[in-house]
Amino acid sequence: MVQLRHGQPEALRALYDEFGGVTYRLCLRMLASPEDAEETLQDTFLRLEAQAGRYDPARGSVQTFVLTIAHHLCLERLRTRRARPQAQPQAAQPEDPAFDLPAPPAPRDPLDRALVEAALRTLPDTDRLLLEEMFFGGYTHAELTARTGLPLGTVKSRLRRALVKLRERMTP
């Protein structure tokens, strides 16, 4: 991140090589469209380059910073889809050769995914579904309340409890 802050172009490529795969998988999981996931992946690394100065290692790892940017971009895309569901997809634009990135690398550690999936399976079904809809579906607390019929306070407390349980089960 320090190299990226100082404008060294190879730093962005190194970050992409390290985190491109996991970022693409997050985008694909949230957006369910390979085209949207690829666009959001590129947008993520463009935004990362622009916001490198905001990274604070005391607040989290570089991977967390990258995935947070990707998550927010996916949420923006999902909310735009819901606001304009009848909108037609844009025609494909020619690729920008200045930011032509290769396909994301294969997953580095399948144990990470297995750990998350195992931790999610330990949650009560309602809590797990709320968490998945919030994180991967991009639904707000109010939208989850409307979708489930649960009171807003219940939705918030179940989500909080689910996150605490996940953290406990995933921290060594």
C-alpha atoms as a PDB file:
ATOM      1  CA  MET A   1       0.000   0.000   0.000  1.00  0.00           C
ATOM      2  CA  VAL A   2       2.909   2.334   0.702  1.00  0.00           C
ATOM      3  CA  GLN A   3       4.218   1.786  -2.828  1.00  0.00           C
ATOM      4  CA  LEU A   4       0.758   2.429  -4.252  1.00  0.00           C
ATOM      5  CA  ARG A   5       0.507   5.695  -2.293  1.00  0.00           C
ATOM      6  CA  HIS A   6       3.792   6.762  -3.890  1.00  0.00           C
ATOM      7  CA  GLY A   7       2.437   6.119  -7.386  1.00  0.00           C
ATOM      8  CA  GLN A   8       4.408   2.986  -8.206  1.00  0.00           C
ATOM      9  CA  PRO A   9       2.358   1.240 -10.939  1.00  0.00           C
ATOM     10  CA  GLU A  10       3.703  -2.245 -10.174  1.00  0.00           C
ATOM     11  CA  ALA A  11       2.152  -2.006  -6.690  1.00  0.00           C
ATOM     12  CA  LEU A  12      -1.371  -2.070  -8.129  1.00  0.00           C
ATOM     13  CA  ARG A  13      -0.508  -5.132 -10.218  1.00  0.00           C
ATOM     14  CA  ALA A  14       0.929  -6.894  -7.137  1.00  0.00           C
ATOM     15  CA  LEU A  15      -2.224  -6.128  -5.123  1.00  0.00           C
ATOM     16  CA  TYR A  16      -4.380  -7.384  -7.978  1.00  0.00           C
ATOM     17  CA  ASP A  17      -2.342 -10.590  -8.234  1.00  0.00           C
ATOM     18  CA  GLU A  18      -2.751 -11.168  -4.510  1.00  0.00           C
ATOM     19  CA  PHE A  19      -6.386 -10.140  -3.982  1.00  0.00           C
ATOM     20  CA  GLY A  20      -7.974 -10.246  -7.457  1.00  0.00           C
ATOM     21  CA  GLY A  21      -9.284 -13.795  -7.113  1.00  0.00           C
ATOM     22  CA  VAL A  22     -11.003 -13.374  -3.767  1.00  0.00           C
ATOM     23  CA  THR A  23     -12.351  -9.973  -4.826  1.00  0.00           C
ATOM     24  CA  TYR A  24     -13.803 -11.383  -8.058  1.00  0.00           C
ATOM     25  CA  ARG A  25     -15.460 -14.250  -6.170  1.00  0.00           C
ATOM     26  CA  LEU A  26     -17.056 -11.796  -3.721  1.00  0.00           C
ATOM     27  CA  CYS A  27     -18.345  -9.659  -6.597  1.00  0.00           C
ATOM     28  CA  LEU A  28     -19.657 -12.692  -8.474  1.00  0.00           C
ATOM     29  CA  ARG A  29     -21.383 -14.028  -5.363  1.00  0.00           C
ATOM     30  CA  MET A  30     -23.064 -10.693  -4.698  1.00  0.00           C
ATOM     31  CA  LEU A  31     -23.917  -9.715  -8.276  1.00  0.00           C
ATOM     32  CA  ALA A  32     -24.529 -13.154  -9.861  1.00  0.00           C
ATOM     33  CA  SER A  33     -23.289 -11.835 -13.201  1.00  0.00           C
ATOM     34  CA  PRO A  34     -19.782 -12.473 -14.520  1.00  0.00           C
ATOM     35  CA  GLU A  35     -19.881  -9.243 -16.526  1.00  0.00           C
ATOM     36  CA  ASP A  36     -20.942  -7.131 -13.527  1.00  0.00           C
ATOM     37  CA  ALA A  37     -18.391  -8.920 -11.328  1.00  0.00           C
ATOM     38  CA  GLU A  38     -15.574  -8.179 -13.779  1.00  0.00           C
ATOM     39  CA  GLU A  39     -16.573  -4.514 -14.063  1.00  0.00           C
ATOM     40  CA  THR A  40     -16.810  -4.175 -10.299  1.00  0.00           C
ATOM     41  CA  LEU A  41     -13.451  -5.919  -9.892  1.00  0.00           C
ATOM     42  CA  GLN A  42     -11.812  -3.333 -12.139  1.00  0.00           C
ATOM     43  CA  ASP A  43     -13.690  -0.498 -10.400  1.00  0.00           C
ATOM     44  CA  THR A  44     -12.450  -1.836  -7.064  1.00  0.00           C
ATOM     45  CA  PHE A  45      -8.803  -1.618  -8.046  1.00  0.00           C
ATOM     46  CA  LEU A  46      -9.246   1.793  -9.641  1.00  0.00           C
ATOM     47  CA  ARG A  47     -10.828   3.032  -6.420  1.00  0.00           C
ATOM     48  CA  LEU A  48      -8.116   1.308  -4.390  1.00  0.00           C
ATOM     49  CA  GLU A  49      -5.505   3.244  -6.326  1.00  0.00           C
ATOM     50  CA  ALA A  50      -7.370   6.510  -5.688  1.00  0.00           C
ATOM     51  CA  GLN A  51      -7.948   5.790  -1.985  1.00  0.00           C
ATOM     52  CA  ALA A  52      -4.616   4.194  -1.062  1.00  0.00           C
ATOM     53  CA  GLY A  53      -3.904   7.102   1.271  1.00  0.00           C
ATOM     54  CA  ARG A  54      -6.937   6.190   3.381  1.00  0.00           C
ATOM     55  CA  TYR A  55      -5.608   2.741   4.293  1.00  0.00           C
ATOM     56  CA  ASP A  56      -4.826   2.411   8.002  1.00  0.00           C
ATOM     57  CA  PRO A  57      -3.192  -0.887   9.047  1.00  0.00           C
ATOM     58  CA  ALA A  58      -4.472  -0.380  12.608  1.00  0.00           C
ATOM     59  CA  ARG A  59      -8.045  -0.743  11.325  1.00  0.00           C
ATOM     60  CA  GLY A  60      -7.564  -3.936   9.322  1.00  0.00           C
ATOM     61  CA  SER A  61      -5.542  -5.862   6.789  1.00  0.00           C
ATOM     62  CA  VAL A  62      -5.006  -4.857   3.184  1.00  0.00           C
ATOM     63  CA  GLN A  63      -7.351  -7.673   2.141  1.00  0.00           C
ATOM     64  CA  THR A  64     -10.076  -6.266   4.390  1.00  0.00           C
ATOM     65  CA  PHE A  65      -9.563  -2.815   2.856  1.00  0.00           C
ATOM     66  CA  VAL A  66      -9.786  -4.198  -0.701  1.00  0.00           C
ATOM     67  CA  LEU A  67     -12.850  -6.344   0.036  1.00  0.00           C
ATOM     68  CA  THR A  68     -14.598  -3.470   1.814  1.00  0.00           C
ATOM     69  CA  ILE A  69     -14.203  -1.319  -1.290  1.00  0.00           C
ATOM     70  CA  ALA A  70     -15.512  -4.165  -3.466  1.00  0.00           C
ATOM     71  CA  HIS A  71     -18.422  -4.820  -1.117  1.00  0.00           C
ATOM     72  CA  HIS A  72     -19.508  -1.169  -1.187  1.00  0.00           C
ATOM     73  CA  LEU A  73     -19.287  -1.060  -4.986  1.00  0.00           C
ATOM     74  CA  CYS A  74     -21.389  -4.236  -5.225  1.00  0.00           C
ATOM     75  CA  LEU A  75     -23.980  -2.752  -2.866  1.00  0.00           C
ATOM     76  CA  GLU A  76     -24.174   0.377  -5.041  1.00  0.00           C
ATOM     77  CA  ARG A  77     -24.764  -1.798  -8.106  1.00  0.00           C
ATOM     78  CA  LEU A  78     -27.409  -3.921  -6.358  1.00  0.00           C
ATOM     79  CA  ARG A  79     -29.269  -0.871  -5.089  1.00  0.00           C
ATOM     80  CA  THR A  80     -29.188   0.697  -8.539  1.00  0.00           C
ATOM     81  CA  ARG A  81     -30.656  -2.519  -9.982  1.00  0.00           C
ATOM     82  CA  ARG A  82     -33.472  -2.501  -7.423  1.00  0.00           C
ATOM     83  CA  ALA A  83     -34.192   1.187  -8.010  1.00  0.00           C
ATOM     84  CA  ARG A  84     -34.384   0.708 -11.785  1.00  0.00           C
ATOM     85  CA  PRO A  85     -35.285  -2.947 -12.409  1.00  0.00           C
ATOM     86  CA  GLN A  86     -36.547  -2.290 -15.938  1.00  0.00           C
ATOM     87  CA  ALA A  87     -33.269  -0.696 -17.020  1.00  0.00           C
ATOM     88  CA  GLN A  88     -31.615  -2.476 -19.931  1.00  0.00           C
ATOM     89  CA  PRO A  89     -27.983  -3.536 -19.613  1.00  0.00           C
ATOM     90  CA  GLN A  90     -25.553  -1.172 -21.281  1.00  0.00           C
ATOM     91  CA  ALA A  91     -23.924  -2.195 -24.526  1.00  0.00           C
ATOM     92  CA  ALA A  92     -20.451  -3.602 -24.115  1.00  0.00           C
ATOM     93  CA  GLN A  93     -17.802  -0.912 -24.191  1.00  0.00           C
ATOM     94  CA  PRO A  94     -14.371  -1.430 -25.693  1.00  0.00           C
ATOM     95  CA  GLU A  95     -11.836  -2.502 -23.106  1.00  0.00           C
ATOM     96  CA  ASP A  96      -9.598   0.181 -21.650  1.00  0.00           C
ATOM     97  CA  PRO A  97      -6.058  -0.896 -22.606  1.00  0.00           C
ATOM     98  CA  ALA A  98      -4.592   1.273 -19.845  1.00  0.00           C
ATOM     99  CA  PHE A  99      -6.201  -0.955 -17.220  1.00  0.00           C
ATOM    100  CA  ASP A 100      -6.269  -4.323 -18.970  1.00  0.00           C
ATOM    101  CA  LEU A 101      -6.041  -6.874 -16.159  1.00  0.00           C
ATOM    102  CA  PRO A 102      -5.732 -10.637 -16.594  1.00  0.00           C
ATOM    103  CA  ALA A 103      -8.349 -13.047 -15.275  1.00  0.00           C
ATOM    104  CA  PRO A 104      -8.324 -13.340 -11.481  1.00  0.00           C
ATOM    105  CA  PRO A 105      -6.012 -16.023 -10.131  1.00  0.00           C
ATOM    106  CA  ALA A 106      -7.326 -19.249  -8.639  1.00  0.00           C
ATOM    107  CA  PRO A 107      -8.174 -19.253  -4.931  1.00  0.00           C
ATOM    108  CA  ARG A 108      -5.051 -19.235  -2.793  1.00  0.00           C
ATOM    109  CA  ASP A 109      -6.411 -21.149   0.167  1.00  0.00           C
ATOM    110  CA  PRO A 110      -9.573 -23.251  -0.081  1.00  0.00           C
ATOM    111  CA  LEU A 111      -9.384 -23.721   3.694  1.00  0.00           C
ATOM    112  CA  ASP A 112     -10.438 -20.071   4.150  1.00  0.00           C
ATOM    113  CA  ARG A 113     -13.670 -20.728   2.289  1.00  0.00           C
ATOM    114  CA  ALA A 114     -14.252 -23.965   4.194  1.00  0.00           C
ATOM    115  CA  LEU A 115     -13.704 -22.138   7.501  1.00  0.00           C
ATOM    116  CA  VAL A 116     -16.275 -19.467   6.632  1.00  0.00           C
ATOM    117  CA  GLU A 117     -18.812 -22.016   5.388  1.00  0.00           C
ATOM    118  CA  ALA A 118     -18.390 -24.144   8.524  1.00  0.00           C
ATOM    119  CA  ALA A 119     -18.839 -21.088  10.751  1.00  0.00           C
ATOM    120  CA  LEU A 120     -21.969 -20.054   8.836  1.00  0.00           C
ATOM    121  CA  ARG A 121     -23.473 -23.547   9.240  1.00  0.00           C
ATOM    122  CA  THR A 122     -23.259 -23.206  13.025  1.00  0.00           C
ATOM    123  CA  LEU A 123     -25.599 -20.193  13.014  1.00  0.00           C
ATOM    124  CA  PRO A 124     -29.352 -20.581  13.416  1.00  0.00           C
ATOM    125  CA  ASP A 125     -31.013 -20.611   9.963  1.00  0.00           C
ATOM    126  CA  THR A 126     -32.797 -17.285  10.464  1.00  0.00           C
ATOM    127  CA  ASP A 127     -29.620 -15.511  11.567  1.00  0.00           C
ATOM    128  CA  ARG A 128     -27.586 -17.022   8.730  1.00  0.00           C
ATOM    129  CA  LEU A 129     -30.180 -16.043   6.115  1.00  0.00           C
ATOM    130  CA  LEU A 130     -30.407 -12.494   7.455  1.00  0.00           C
ATOM    131  CA  LEU A 131     -26.623 -12.190   7.367  1.00  0.00           C
ATOM    132  CA  GLU A 132     -26.378 -13.559   3.825  1.00  0.00           C
ATOM    133  CA  GLU A 133     -29.165 -11.279   2.571  1.00  0.00           C
ATOM    134  CA  MET A 134     -27.553  -8.237   4.181  1.00  0.00           C
ATOM    135  CA  PHE A 135     -24.006  -8.969   3.058  1.00  0.00           C
ATOM    136  CA  PHE A 136     -24.492 -10.655  -0.317  1.00  0.00           C
ATOM    137  CA  GLY A 137     -27.926  -9.283  -1.232  1.00  0.00           C
ATOM    138  CA  GLY A 138     -27.173  -5.732  -0.215  1.00  0.00           C
ATOM    139  CA  TYR A 139     -30.379  -5.304   1.760  1.00  0.00           C
ATOM    140  CA  THR A 140     -30.583  -2.637   4.443  1.00  0.00           C
ATOM    141  CA  HIS A 141     -31.995  -3.327   7.910  1.00  0.00           C
ATOM    142  CA  ALA A 142     -35.271  -1.683   6.897  1.00  0.00           C
ATOM    143  CA  GLU A 143     -35.498  -3.783   3.734  1.00  0.00           C
ATOM    144  CA  LEU A 144     -34.832  -6.951   5.716  1.00  0.00           C
ATOM    145  CA  THR A 145     -37.591  -5.940   8.136  1.00  0.00           C
ATOM    146  CA  ALA A 146     -40.013  -5.562   5.235  1.00  0.00           C
ATOM    147  CA  ARG A 147     -38.908  -8.836   3.619  1.00  0.00           C
ATOM    148  CA  THR A 148     -39.082 -10.950   6.790  1.00  0.00           C
ATOM    149  CA  GLY A 149     -41.810  -9.273   8.803  1.00  0.00           C
ATOM    150  CA  LEU A 150     -39.505  -9.183  11.829  1.00  0.00           C
ATOM    151  CA  PRO A 151     -39.305  -5.984  13.898  1.00  0.00           C
ATOM    152  CA  LEU A 152     -36.358  -3.715  13.080  1.00  0.00           C
ATOM    153  CA  GLY A 153     -34.801  -4.206  16.521  1.00  0.00           C
ATOM    154  CA  THR A 154     -34.987  -7.984  16.107  1.00  0.00           C
ATOM    155  CA  VAL A 155     -33.306  -7.835  12.708  1.00  0.00           C
ATOM    156  CA  LYS A 156     -30.511  -5.665  14.096  1.00  0.00           C
ATOM    157  CA  SER A 157     -29.949  -7.814  17.180  1.00  0.00           C
ATOM    158  CA  ARG A 158     -29.942 -11.073  15.190  1.00  0.00           C
ATOM    159  CA  LEU A 159     -27.442  -9.659  12.717  1.00  0.00           C
ATOM    160  CA  ARG A 160     -25.223  -8.434  15.526  1.00  0.00           C
ATOM    161  CA  ARG A 161     -25.417 -11.787  17.312  1.00  0.00           C
ATOM    162  CA  ALA A 162     -24.602 -13.631  14.071  1.00  0.00           C
ATOM    163  CA  LEU A 163     -21.548 -11.454  13.426  1.00  0.00           C
ATOM    164  CA  VAL A 164     -20.284 -11.943  16.988  1.00  0.00           C
ATOM    165  CA  LYS A 165     -20.713 -15.731  16.703  1.00  0.00           C
ATOM    166  CA  LEU A 166     -18.900 -15.776  13.358  1.00  0.00           C
ATOM    167  CA  ARG A 167     -16.007 -13.783  14.784  1.00  0.00           C
ATOM    168  CA  GLU A 168     -15.758 -16.144  17.788  1.00  0.00           C
ATOM    169  CA  ARG A 169     -15.740 -19.228  15.582  1.00  0.00           C
ATOM    170  CA  MET A 170     -13.247 -17.870  13.092  1.00  0.00           C
ATOM    171  CA  THR A 171     -10.691 -16.364  15.451  1.00  0.00           C
ATOM    172  CA  PRO A 172      -7.980 -18.729  16.658  1.00  0.00           C
END
